[in-house]
């Protein structure tokens, strides 16, 4: 969970931010595997520059397919509104 204003300053934001990581740390978790030449395959999850085990929903192929299809649907609708 990354510290941001995405919640719009809601009542729980102050409490939740105690447990959130800074944007810089969040970016490190994305950039580390992307830029590390010793990581030669995708599909892995990294936290604090260490490979972590995928569990639960992250391993659900059917859920991943539904999520991808929903993203495409929303992006296509968004793109259509731009034209």
PDB file of N, CA and C in Angstrom:
ATOM      1  N   UNK A   1       0.847  -1.173   0.000  1.00  0.00           N
ATOM      2  CA  UNK A   1       0.000   0.000   0.000  1.00  0.00           C
ATOM      3  C   UNK A   1       0.888   1.231   0.000  1.00  0.00           C
ATOM      4  N   UNK A   2       0.632   2.157  -0.904  1.00  0.00           N
ATOM      5  CA  UNK A   2       1.478   3.337  -1.107  1.00  0.00           C
ATOM      6  C   UNK A   2       0.781   4.591  -0.592  1.00  0.00           C
ATOM      7  N   UNK A   3       1.550   5.446   0.069  1.00  0.00           N
ATOM      8  CA  UNK A   3       1.022   6.732   0.532  1.00  0.00           C
ATOM      9  C   UNK A   3       0.692   7.599  -0.674  1.00  0.00           C
ATOM     10  N   UNK A   4      -0.541   8.042  -0.749  1.00  0.00           N
ATOM     11  CA  UNK A   4      -0.960   8.942  -1.823  1.00  0.00           C
ATOM     12  C   UNK A   4      -2.237   9.647  -1.372  1.00  0.00           C
ATOM     13  N   UNK A   5      -2.739  10.508  -2.217  1.00  0.00           N
ATOM     14  CA  UNK A   5      -4.002  11.183  -1.922  1.00  0.00           C
ATOM     15  C   UNK A   5      -5.162  10.562  -2.688  1.00  0.00           C
ATOM     16  N   UNK A   6      -4.988   9.337  -3.138  1.00  0.00           N
ATOM     17  CA  UNK A   6      -6.000   8.697  -3.969  1.00  0.00           C
ATOM     18  C   UNK A   6      -7.327   8.538  -3.220  1.00  0.00           C
ATOM     19  N   UNK A   7      -7.282   8.411  -1.911  1.00  0.00           N
ATOM     20  CA  UNK A   7      -8.511   8.257  -1.126  1.00  0.00           C
ATOM     21  C   UNK A   7      -9.212   9.587  -0.901  1.00  0.00           C
ATOM     22  N   UNK A   8      -8.593  10.679  -1.311  1.00  0.00           N
ATOM     23  CA  UNK A   8      -9.224  11.982  -1.196  1.00  0.00           C
ATOM     24  C   UNK A   8      -9.338  12.510   0.220  1.00  0.00           C
ATOM     25  N   UNK A   9      -8.477  12.050   1.105  1.00  0.00           N
ATOM     26  CA  UNK A   9      -8.487  12.565   2.472  1.00  0.00           C
ATOM     27  C   UNK A   9      -9.646  12.087   3.306  1.00  0.00           C
ATOM     28  N   UNK A  10     -10.144  10.899   3.016  1.00  0.00           N
ATOM     29  CA  UNK A  10     -11.264  10.344   3.770  1.00  0.00           C
ATOM     30  C   UNK A  10     -10.929  10.152   5.243  1.00  0.00           C
ATOM     31  N   UNK A  11     -11.921   9.802   6.039  1.00  0.00           N
ATOM     32  CA  UNK A  11     -11.726   9.713   7.485  1.00  0.00           C
ATOM     33  C   UNK A  11     -10.709   8.662   7.926  1.00  0.00           C
ATOM     34  N   UNK A  12     -10.533   7.616   7.161  1.00  0.00           N
ATOM     35  CA  UNK A  12      -9.579   6.577   7.541  1.00  0.00           C
ATOM     36  C   UNK A  12      -8.176   6.816   6.994  1.00  0.00           C
ATOM     37  N   UNK A  13      -8.018   7.822   6.150  1.00  0.00           N
ATOM     38  CA  UNK A  13      -6.735   8.014   5.485  1.00  0.00           C
ATOM     39  C   UNK A  13      -5.589   8.213   6.476  1.00  0.00           C
ATOM     40  N   UNK A  14      -5.791   9.007   7.504  1.00  0.00           N
ATOM     41  CA  UNK A  14      -4.725   9.261   8.476  1.00  0.00           C
ATOM     42  C   UNK A  14      -4.277   7.955   9.134  1.00  0.00           C
ATOM     43  N   UNK A  15      -5.220   7.110   9.497  1.00  0.00           N
ATOM     44  CA  UNK A  15      -4.895   5.826  10.119  1.00  0.00           C
ATOM     45  C   UNK A  15      -4.165   4.908   9.144  1.00  0.00           C
ATOM     46  N   UNK A  16      -4.670   4.799   7.933  1.00  0.00           N
ATOM     47  CA  UNK A  16      -4.098   3.901   6.936  1.00  0.00           C
ATOM     48  C   UNK A  16      -2.685   4.336   6.547  1.00  0.00           C
ATOM     49  N   UNK A  17      -2.436   5.619   6.494  1.00  0.00           N
ATOM     50  CA  UNK A  17      -1.133   6.122   6.074  1.00  0.00           C
ATOM     51  C   UNK A  17       0.001   5.704   7.011  1.00  0.00           C
ATOM     52  N   UNK A  18      -0.326   5.357   8.231  1.00  0.00           N
ATOM     53  CA  UNK A  18       0.697   4.880   9.169  1.00  0.00           C
ATOM     54  C   UNK A  18       1.347   3.608   8.634  1.00  0.00           C
ATOM     55  N   UNK A  19       0.581   2.790   7.929  1.00  0.00           N
ATOM     56  CA  UNK A  19       1.063   1.506   7.432  1.00  0.00           C
ATOM     57  C   UNK A  19       1.525   1.559   5.975  1.00  0.00           C
ATOM     58  N   UNK A  20       1.318   2.670   5.322  1.00  0.00           N
ATOM     59  CA  UNK A  20       1.628   2.783   3.893  1.00  0.00           C
ATOM     60  C   UNK A  20       3.113   3.049   3.664  1.00  0.00           C
ATOM     61  N   UNK A  21       3.576   2.636   2.486  1.00  0.00           N
ATOM     62  CA  UNK A  21       4.955   2.891   2.072  1.00  0.00           C
ATOM     63  C   UNK A  21       4.997   4.173   1.252  1.00  0.00           C
ATOM     64  N   UNK A  22       6.152   4.781   1.218  1.00  0.00           N
ATOM     65  CA  UNK A  22       6.313   6.002   0.429  1.00  0.00           C
ATOM     66  C   UNK A  22       6.248   5.663  -1.058  1.00  0.00           C
ATOM     67  N   UNK A  23       5.926   6.632  -1.909  1.00  0.00           N
ATOM     68  CA  UNK A  23       5.930   6.382  -3.353  1.00  0.00           C
ATOM     69  C   UNK A  23       7.301   5.911  -3.846  1.00  0.00           C
ATOM     70  N   UNK A  24       8.370   6.409  -3.242  1.00  0.00           N
ATOM     71  CA  UNK A  24       9.718   5.997  -3.657  1.00  0.00           C
ATOM     72  C   UNK A  24       9.945   4.509  -3.399  1.00  0.00           C
ATOM     73  N   UNK A  25       9.520   4.037  -2.238  1.00  0.00           N
ATOM     74  CA  UNK A  25       9.659   2.608  -1.922  1.00  0.00           C
ATOM     75  C   UNK A  25       8.754   1.785  -2.836  1.00  0.00           C
ATOM     76  N   UNK A  26       7.557   2.260  -3.082  1.00  0.00           N
ATOM     77  CA  UNK A  26       6.653   1.565  -3.989  1.00  0.00           C
ATOM     78  C   UNK A  26       7.233   1.453  -5.387  1.00  0.00           C
ATOM     79  N   UNK A  27       7.865   2.518  -5.853  1.00  0.00           N
ATOM     80  CA  UNK A  27       8.486   2.502  -7.179  1.00  0.00           C
ATOM     81  C   UNK A  27       9.657   1.529  -7.225  1.00  0.00           C
ATOM     82  N   UNK A  28      10.388   1.417  -6.126  1.00  0.00           N
ATOM     83  CA  UNK A  28      11.520   0.479  -6.076  1.00  0.00           C
ATOM     84  C   UNK A  28      11.056  -0.948  -6.325  1.00  0.00           C
ATOM     85  N   UNK A  29       9.899  -1.300  -5.779  1.00  0.00           N
ATOM     86  CA  UNK A  29       9.388  -2.659  -5.958  1.00  0.00           C
ATOM     87  C   UNK A  29       9.023  -2.953  -7.406  1.00  0.00           C
ATOM     88  N   UNK A  30       8.774  -1.923  -8.185  1.00  0.00           N
ATOM     89  CA  UNK A  30       8.494  -2.093  -9.613  1.00  0.00           C
ATOM     90  C   UNK A  30       9.784  -2.035 -10.419  1.00  0.00           C
ATOM     91  N   UNK A  31      10.625  -1.076 -10.091  1.00  0.00           N
ATOM     92  CA  UNK A  31      11.843  -0.850 -10.870  1.00  0.00           C
ATOM     93  C   UNK A  31      12.906  -1.925 -10.646  1.00  0.00           C
ATOM     94  N   UNK A  32      13.006  -2.448  -9.434  1.00  0.00           N
ATOM     95  CA  UNK A  32      14.046  -3.437  -9.137  1.00  0.00           C
ATOM     96  C   UNK A  32      14.000  -4.633 -10.090  1.00  0.00           C
ATOM     97  N   UNK A  33      12.877  -5.335 -10.193  1.00  0.00           N
ATOM     98  CA  UNK A  33      12.879  -6.481 -11.111  1.00  0.00           C
ATOM     99  C   UNK A  33      12.940  -6.070 -12.582  1.00  0.00           C
ATOM    100  N   UNK A  34      12.442  -4.885 -12.902  1.00  0.00           N
ATOM    101  CA  UNK A  34      12.461  -4.442 -14.301  1.00  0.00           C
ATOM    102  C   UNK A  34      13.875  -4.135 -14.775  1.00  0.00           C
ATOM    103  N   UNK A  35      14.715  -3.638 -13.885  1.00  0.00           N
ATOM    104  CA  UNK A  35      16.059  -3.205 -14.275  1.00  0.00           C
ATOM    105  C   UNK A  35      17.166  -4.172 -13.877  1.00  0.00           C
ATOM    106  N   UNK A  36      16.859  -5.180 -13.099  1.00  0.00           N
ATOM    107  CA  UNK A  36      17.878  -6.118 -12.640  1.00  0.00           C
ATOM    108  C   UNK A  36      18.171  -7.146 -13.733  1.00  0.00           C
ATOM    109  N   UNK A  37      19.404  -7.172 -14.259  1.00  0.00           N
ATOM    110  CA  UNK A  37      19.730  -8.104 -15.337  1.00  0.00           C
ATOM    111  C   UNK A  37      19.735  -9.569 -14.899  1.00  0.00           C
ATOM    112  N   UNK A  38      19.740  -9.838 -13.611  1.00  0.00           N
ATOM    113  CA  UNK A  38      19.744 -11.216 -13.118  1.00  0.00           C
ATOM    114  C   UNK A  38      18.343 -11.821 -13.033  1.00  0.00           C
ATOM    115  N   UNK A  39      17.333 -11.019 -13.272  1.00  0.00           N
ATOM    116  CA  UNK A  39      15.951 -11.517 -13.277  1.00  0.00           C
ATOM    117  C   UNK A  39      15.544 -11.646 -14.736  1.00  0.00           C
ATOM    118  N   UNK A  40      15.449 -12.886 -15.203  1.00  0.00           N
ATOM    119  CA  UNK A  40      15.265 -13.108 -16.637  1.00  0.00           C
ATOM    120  C   UNK A  40      13.875 -13.591 -17.031  1.00  0.00           C
ATOM    121  N   UNK A  41      12.938 -13.593 -16.112  1.00  0.00           N
ATOM    122  CA  UNK A  41      11.587 -14.003 -16.482  1.00  0.00           C
ATOM    123  C   UNK A  41      10.560 -13.180 -15.718  1.00  0.00           C
ATOM    124  N   UNK A  42       9.402 -13.023 -16.318  1.00  0.00           N
ATOM    125  CA  UNK A  42       8.337 -12.254 -15.687  1.00  0.00           C
ATOM    126  C   UNK A  42       7.433 -13.136 -14.847  1.00  0.00           C
ATOM    127  N   UNK A  43       6.351 -12.538 -14.360  1.00  0.00           N
ATOM    128  CA  UNK A  43       5.375 -13.292 -13.600  1.00  0.00           C
ATOM    129  C   UNK A  43       5.721 -13.482 -12.143  1.00  0.00           C
ATOM    130  N   UNK A  44       6.740 -12.785 -11.684  1.00  0.00           N
ATOM    131  CA  UNK A  44       7.135 -12.897 -10.280  1.00  0.00           C
ATOM    132  C   UNK A  44       6.693 -11.651  -9.527  1.00  0.00           C
ATOM    133  N   UNK A  45       6.611 -11.783  -8.219  1.00  0.00           N
ATOM    134  CA  UNK A  45       6.212 -10.675  -7.354  1.00  0.00           C
ATOM    135  C   UNK A  45       7.376 -10.337  -6.438  1.00  0.00           C
ATOM    136  N   UNK A  46       7.695  -9.053  -6.366  1.00  0.00           N
ATOM    137  CA  UNK A  46       8.799  -8.606  -5.520  1.00  0.00           C
ATOM    138  C   UNK A  46       8.300  -7.618  -4.486  1.00  0.00           C
ATOM    139  N   UNK A  47       8.827  -7.767  -3.277  1.00  0.00           N
ATOM    140  CA  UNK A  47       8.535  -6.830  -2.197  1.00  0.00           C
ATOM    141  C   UNK A  47       9.841  -6.551  -1.475  1.00  0.00           C
ATOM    142  N   UNK A  48      10.164  -5.283  -1.350  1.00  0.00           N
ATOM    143  CA  UNK A  48      11.415  -4.854  -0.721  1.00  0.00           C
ATOM    144  C   UNK A  48      12.623  -5.510  -1.388  1.00  0.00           C
ATOM    145  N   UNK A  49      12.624  -5.521  -2.718  1.00  0.00           N
ATOM    146  CA  UNK A  49      13.710  -6.054  -3.545  1.00  0.00           C
ATOM    147  C   UNK A  49      13.971  -7.540  -3.292  1.00  0.00           C
ATOM    148  N   UNK A  50      12.962  -8.263  -2.843  1.00  0.00           N
ATOM    149  CA  UNK A  50      13.079  -9.703  -2.639  1.00  0.00           C
ATOM    150  C   UNK A  50      11.887 -10.378  -3.302  1.00  0.00           C
ATOM    151  N   UNK A  51      12.161 -11.507  -3.952  1.00  0.00           N
ATOM    152  CA  UNK A  51      11.068 -12.251  -4.556  1.00  0.00           C
ATOM    153  C   UNK A  51      10.169 -12.815  -3.457  1.00  0.00           C
ATOM    154  N   UNK A  52       8.876 -12.617  -3.617  1.00  0.00           N
ATOM    155  CA  UNK A  52       7.896 -13.119  -2.656  1.00  0.00           C
ATOM    156  C   UNK A  52       7.015 -14.151  -3.340  1.00  0.00           C
ATOM    157  N   UNK A  53       6.466 -15.034  -2.549  1.00  0.00           N
ATOM    158  CA  UNK A  53       5.617 -16.098  -3.074  1.00  0.00           C
ATOM    159  C   UNK A  53       4.232 -15.549  -3.418  1.00  0.00           C
ATOM    160  N   UNK A  54       3.729 -15.917  -4.577  1.00  0.00           N
ATOM    161  CA  UNK A  54       2.367 -15.570  -4.969  1.00  0.00           C
ATOM    162  C   UNK A  54       1.393 -16.514  -4.282  1.00  0.00           C
ATOM    163  N   UNK A  55       0.279 -15.984  -3.838  1.00  0.00           N
ATOM    164  CA  UNK A  55      -0.722 -16.811  -3.175  1.00  0.00           C
ATOM    165  C   UNK A  55      -2.125 -16.409  -3.624  1.00  0.00           C
ATOM    166  N   UNK A  56      -3.078 -17.211  -3.266  1.00  0.00           N
ATOM    167  CA  UNK A  56      -4.497 -16.907  -3.433  1.00  0.00           C
ATOM    168  C   UNK A  56      -4.903 -16.385  -4.793  1.00  0.00           C
ATOM    169  N   UNK A  57      -5.492 -15.193  -4.791  1.00  0.00           N
ATOM    170  CA  UNK A  57      -6.047 -14.611  -6.007  1.00  0.00           C
ATOM    171  C   UNK A  57      -4.988 -14.380  -7.079  1.00  0.00           C
ATOM    172  N   UNK A  58      -3.753 -14.162  -6.694  1.00  0.00           N
ATOM    173  CA  UNK A  58      -2.694 -13.920  -7.673  1.00  0.00           C
ATOM    174  C   UNK A  58      -2.428 -15.148  -8.541  1.00  0.00           C
ATOM    175  N   UNK A  59      -2.831 -16.316  -8.086  1.00  0.00           N
ATOM    176  CA  UNK A  59      -2.606 -17.556  -8.834  1.00  0.00           C
ATOM    177  C   UNK A  59      -3.855 -18.045  -9.564  1.00  0.00           C
ATOM    178  N   UNK A  60      -4.941 -17.325  -9.458  1.00  0.00           N
ATOM    179  CA  UNK A  60      -6.220 -17.724 -10.041  1.00  0.00           C
ATOM    180  C   UNK A  60      -6.282 -17.289 -11.510  1.00  0.00           C
ATOM    181  N   UNK A  61      -6.072 -18.239 -12.419  1.00  0.00           N
ATOM    182  CA  UNK A  61      -6.036 -17.942 -13.859  1.00  0.00           C
ATOM    183  C   UNK A  61      -7.377 -17.412 -14.370  1.00  0.00           C
ATOM    184  N   UNK A  62      -8.466 -17.981 -13.887  1.00  0.00           N
ATOM    185  CA  UNK A  62      -9.794 -17.540 -14.333  1.00  0.00           C
ATOM    186  C   UNK A  62     -10.059 -16.104 -13.880  1.00  0.00           C
ATOM    187  N   UNK A  63      -9.696 -15.790 -12.663  1.00  0.00           N
ATOM    188  CA  UNK A  63      -9.848 -14.429 -12.153  1.00  0.00           C
ATOM    189  C   UNK A  63      -8.981 -13.456 -12.954  1.00  0.00           C
ATOM    190  N   UNK A  64      -7.771 -13.872 -13.291  1.00  0.00           N
ATOM    191  CA  UNK A  64      -6.878 -13.024 -14.089  1.00  0.00           C
ATOM    192  C   UNK A  64      -7.492 -12.735 -15.454  1.00  0.00           C
ATOM    193  N   UNK A  65      -8.092 -13.754 -16.062  1.00  0.00           N
ATOM    194  CA  UNK A  65      -8.730 -13.574 -17.371  1.00  0.00           C
ATOM    195  C   UNK A  65      -9.897 -12.591 -17.275  1.00  0.00           C
ATOM    196  N   UNK A  66     -10.730 -12.744 -16.252  1.00  0.00           N
ATOM    197  CA  UNK A  66     -11.874 -11.840 -16.066  1.00  0.00           C
ATOM    198  C   UNK A  66     -11.398 -10.408 -15.819  1.00  0.00           C
ATOM    199  N   UNK A  67     -10.347 -10.273 -15.027  1.00  0.00           N
ATOM    200  CA  UNK A  67      -9.792  -8.951 -14.732  1.00  0.00           C
ATOM    201  C   UNK A  67      -9.275  -8.292 -16.011  1.00  0.00           C
ATOM    202  N   UNK A  68      -8.539  -9.051 -16.819  1.00  0.00           N
ATOM    203  CA  UNK A  68      -7.998  -8.532 -18.077  1.00  0.00           C
ATOM    204  C   UNK A  68      -9.131  -8.083 -19.002  1.00  0.00           C
ATOM    205  N   UNK A  69     -10.151  -8.918 -19.127  1.00  0.00           N
ATOM    206  CA  UNK A  69     -11.282  -8.587 -19.997  1.00  0.00           C
ATOM    207  C   UNK A  69     -12.004  -7.330 -19.516  1.00  0.00           C
ATOM    208  N   UNK A  70     -12.172  -7.192 -18.210  1.00  0.00           N
ATOM    209  CA  UNK A  70     -12.833  -6.004 -17.660  1.00  0.00           C
ATOM    210  C   UNK A  70     -11.983  -4.761 -17.915  1.00  0.00           C
ATOM    211  N   UNK A  71     -10.669  -4.874 -17.759  1.00  0.00           N
ATOM    212  CA  UNK A  71      -9.777  -3.743 -18.048  1.00  0.00           C
ATOM    213  C   UNK A  71      -9.893  -3.326 -19.507  1.00  0.00           C
ATOM    214  N   UNK A  72      -9.904  -4.302 -20.419  1.00  0.00           N
ATOM    215  CA  UNK A  72     -10.054  -3.990 -21.841  1.00  0.00           C
ATOM    216  C   UNK A  72     -11.382  -3.290 -22.104  1.00  0.00           C
ATOM    217  N   UNK A  73     -12.445  -3.787 -21.493  1.00  0.00           N
ATOM    218  CA  UNK A  73     -13.772  -3.190 -21.664  1.00  0.00           C
ATOM    219  C   UNK A  73     -13.770  -1.729 -21.198  1.00  0.00           C
ATOM    220  N   UNK A  74     -13.223  -1.478 -20.031  1.00  0.00           N
ATOM    221  CA  UNK A  74     -13.196  -0.116 -19.493  1.00  0.00           C
ATOM    222  C   UNK A  74     -12.305   0.802 -20.320  1.00  0.00           C
ATOM    223  N   UNK A  75     -11.167   0.287 -20.757  1.00  0.00           N
ATOM    224  CA  UNK A  75     -10.265   1.109 -21.569  1.00  0.00           C
ATOM    225  C   UNK A  75     -10.857   1.404 -22.939  1.00  0.00           C
ATOM    226  N   UNK A  76     -11.542   0.431 -23.522  1.00  0.00           N
ATOM    227  CA  UNK A  76     -12.192   0.671 -24.811  1.00  0.00           C
ATOM    228  C   UNK A  76     -13.286   1.724 -24.678  1.00  0.00           C
ATOM    229  N   UNK A  77     -14.050   1.668 -23.599  1.00  0.00           N
ATOM    230  CA  UNK A  77     -15.095   2.666 -23.365  1.00  0.00           C
ATOM    231  C   UNK A  77     -14.472   4.041 -23.149  1.00  0.00           C
ATOM    232  N   UNK A  78     -13.382   4.095 -22.426  1.00  0.00           N
ATOM    233  CA  UNK A  78     -12.678   5.358 -22.176  1.00  0.00           C
ATOM    234  C   UNK A  78     -12.142   5.920 -23.485  1.00  0.00           C
ATOM    235  N   UNK A  79     -11.525   5.060 -24.286  1.00  0.00           N
ATOM    236  CA  UNK A  79     -10.953   5.480 -25.568  1.00  0.00           C
ATOM    237  C   UNK A  79     -12.049   5.991 -26.502  1.00  0.00           C
ATOM    238  N   UNK A  80     -13.205   5.341 -26.508  1.00  0.00           N
ATOM    239  CA  UNK A  80     -14.310   5.766 -27.368  1.00  0.00           C
ATOM    240  C   UNK A  80     -14.790   7.160 -26.991  1.00  0.00           C
ATOM    241  N   UNK A  81     -14.718   7.500 -25.720  1.00  0.00           N
ATOM    242  CA  UNK A  81     -15.142   8.826 -25.269  1.00  0.00           C
ATOM    243  C   UNK A  81     -14.161   9.917 -25.675  1.00  0.00           C
ATOM    244  N   UNK A  82     -12.940   9.547 -26.003  1.00  0.00           N
ATOM    245  CA  UNK A  82     -11.941  10.536 -26.413  1.00  0.00           C
ATOM    246  C   UNK A  82     -12.122  10.963 -27.860  1.00  0.00           C
ATOM    247  N   UNK A  83     -12.750  10.102 -28.662  1.00  0.00           N
ATOM    248  CA  UNK A  83     -12.885  10.385 -30.096  1.00  0.00           C
ATOM    249  C   UNK A  83     -14.043  11.289 -30.402  1.00  0.00           C
TER     250      UNK A  83
END
